[in-house]
Amino acid sequence: MTELLQRIHSEKQSKKSRFDRIHLHQVFQPLNLNIENKKIILIDDIYTTGSTLYHAAKVLKAGGAASVCSFTLARG
């Protein structure tokens, strides 16, 4: 497993609505790794609103990833 992102938005999300979570300006920044044309799978413990996966995939796709898929252990 390789860490590709660093969370830069640390404000507690549980108190926010789905709209507020999705419309955050920037949640992650990419680490200095070459992801150009790579297929990436994100693993998350719980899917509540989908905002974590949405923001992570957005940054990875902008960084050149060929595709981004996700696997979640539970849905809240």
Protein backbone atom coordinates (compact mmCIF):
# COMPACT_ATOMS: atom_id res chain seq x y z
CA MET A 1 0.00 0.00 0.00
CA THR A 2 1.26 3.48 -0.87
CA GLU A 3 0.11 6.76 0.61
CA LEU A 4 -0.66 9.13 -2.25
CA LEU A 5 -2.44 11.96 -0.46
CA GLN A 6 -2.11 14.11 2.63
CA ARG A 7 -5.22 15.52 4.29
CA ILE A 8 -4.93 19.30 4.65
CA HIS A 9 -8.49 19.99 5.83
CA SER A 10 -8.75 18.74 9.40
CA GLU A 11 -12.03 20.30 10.52
CA LYS A 12 -14.49 17.76 12.00
CA GLN A 13 -16.82 16.50 9.24
CA SER A 14 -19.49 14.78 11.34
CA LYS A 15 -21.14 18.11 12.17
CA LYS A 16 -21.47 19.14 8.51
CA SER A 17 -24.16 18.36 5.97
CA ARG A 18 -23.41 16.38 2.80
CA PHE A 19 -23.61 19.62 0.79
CA ASP A 20 -21.04 21.30 3.04
CA ARG A 21 -18.71 18.29 2.89
CA ILE A 22 -18.81 18.02 -0.90
CA HIS A 23 -18.31 21.76 -1.43
CA LEU A 24 -15.10 22.12 0.59
CA HIS A 25 -12.43 23.94 -1.38
CA GLN A 26 -9.54 21.52 -0.95
CA VAL A 27 -9.30 18.53 1.36
CA PHE A 28 -6.19 16.68 0.12
CA GLN A 29 -2.89 17.51 -1.47
CA PRO A 30 -0.94 14.97 -3.51
CA LEU A 31 2.36 13.66 -2.22
CA ASN A 32 5.29 13.77 -4.63
CA LEU A 33 4.65 10.47 -6.40
CA ASN A 34 4.33 9.65 -10.07
CA ILE A 35 0.73 8.52 -10.63
CA GLU A 36 0.57 9.36 -14.32
CA ASN A 37 -1.55 6.72 -16.11
CA LYS A 38 -1.81 4.52 -12.98
CA LYS A 39 -4.93 2.66 -11.88
CA ILE A 40 -5.62 3.52 -8.24
CA ILE A 41 -7.90 1.95 -5.67
CA LEU A 42 -8.86 3.91 -2.56
CA ILE A 43 -9.71 2.00 0.62
CA ASP A 44 -11.94 3.66 3.23
CA ASP A 45 -13.35 2.28 6.46
CA ILE A 46 -16.83 3.81 6.24
CA TYR A 47 -18.82 5.51 3.49
CA THR A 48 -21.12 8.16 4.91
CA THR A 49 -21.61 10.91 2.32
CA GLY A 50 -18.89 9.96 -0.15
CA SER A 51 -17.08 13.28 0.24
CA THR A 52 -13.74 11.74 1.29
CA LEU A 53 -13.63 9.51 -1.78
CA TYR A 54 -14.93 12.31 -4.02
CA HIS A 55 -12.20 14.75 -2.97
CA ALA A 56 -9.44 12.13 -3.04
CA ALA A 57 -10.40 10.92 -6.53
CA LYS A 58 -10.62 14.50 -7.79
CA VAL A 59 -7.01 15.23 -6.73
CA LEU A 60 -5.69 11.91 -8.07
CA LYS A 61 -7.40 12.34 -11.45
CA ALA A 62 -6.05 15.89 -11.69
CA GLY A 63 -2.60 14.43 -10.98
CA GLY A 64 -2.84 12.16 -14.01
CA ALA A 65 -4.25 8.89 -12.65
CA ALA A 66 -5.78 6.75 -15.41
CA SER A 67 -8.60 5.60 -13.13
CA VAL A 68 -9.63 5.77 -9.49
CA CYS A 69 -11.86 3.13 -7.88
CA SER A 70 -12.82 2.64 -4.25
CA PHE A 71 -13.43 -0.13 -1.75
CA THR A 72 -15.31 0.64 1.47
CA LEU A 73 -15.74 -1.69 4.41
CA ALA A 74 -19.07 -0.31 5.68
CA ARG A 75 -21.77 2.17 4.77
CA GLY A 76 -23.08 4.57 7.41
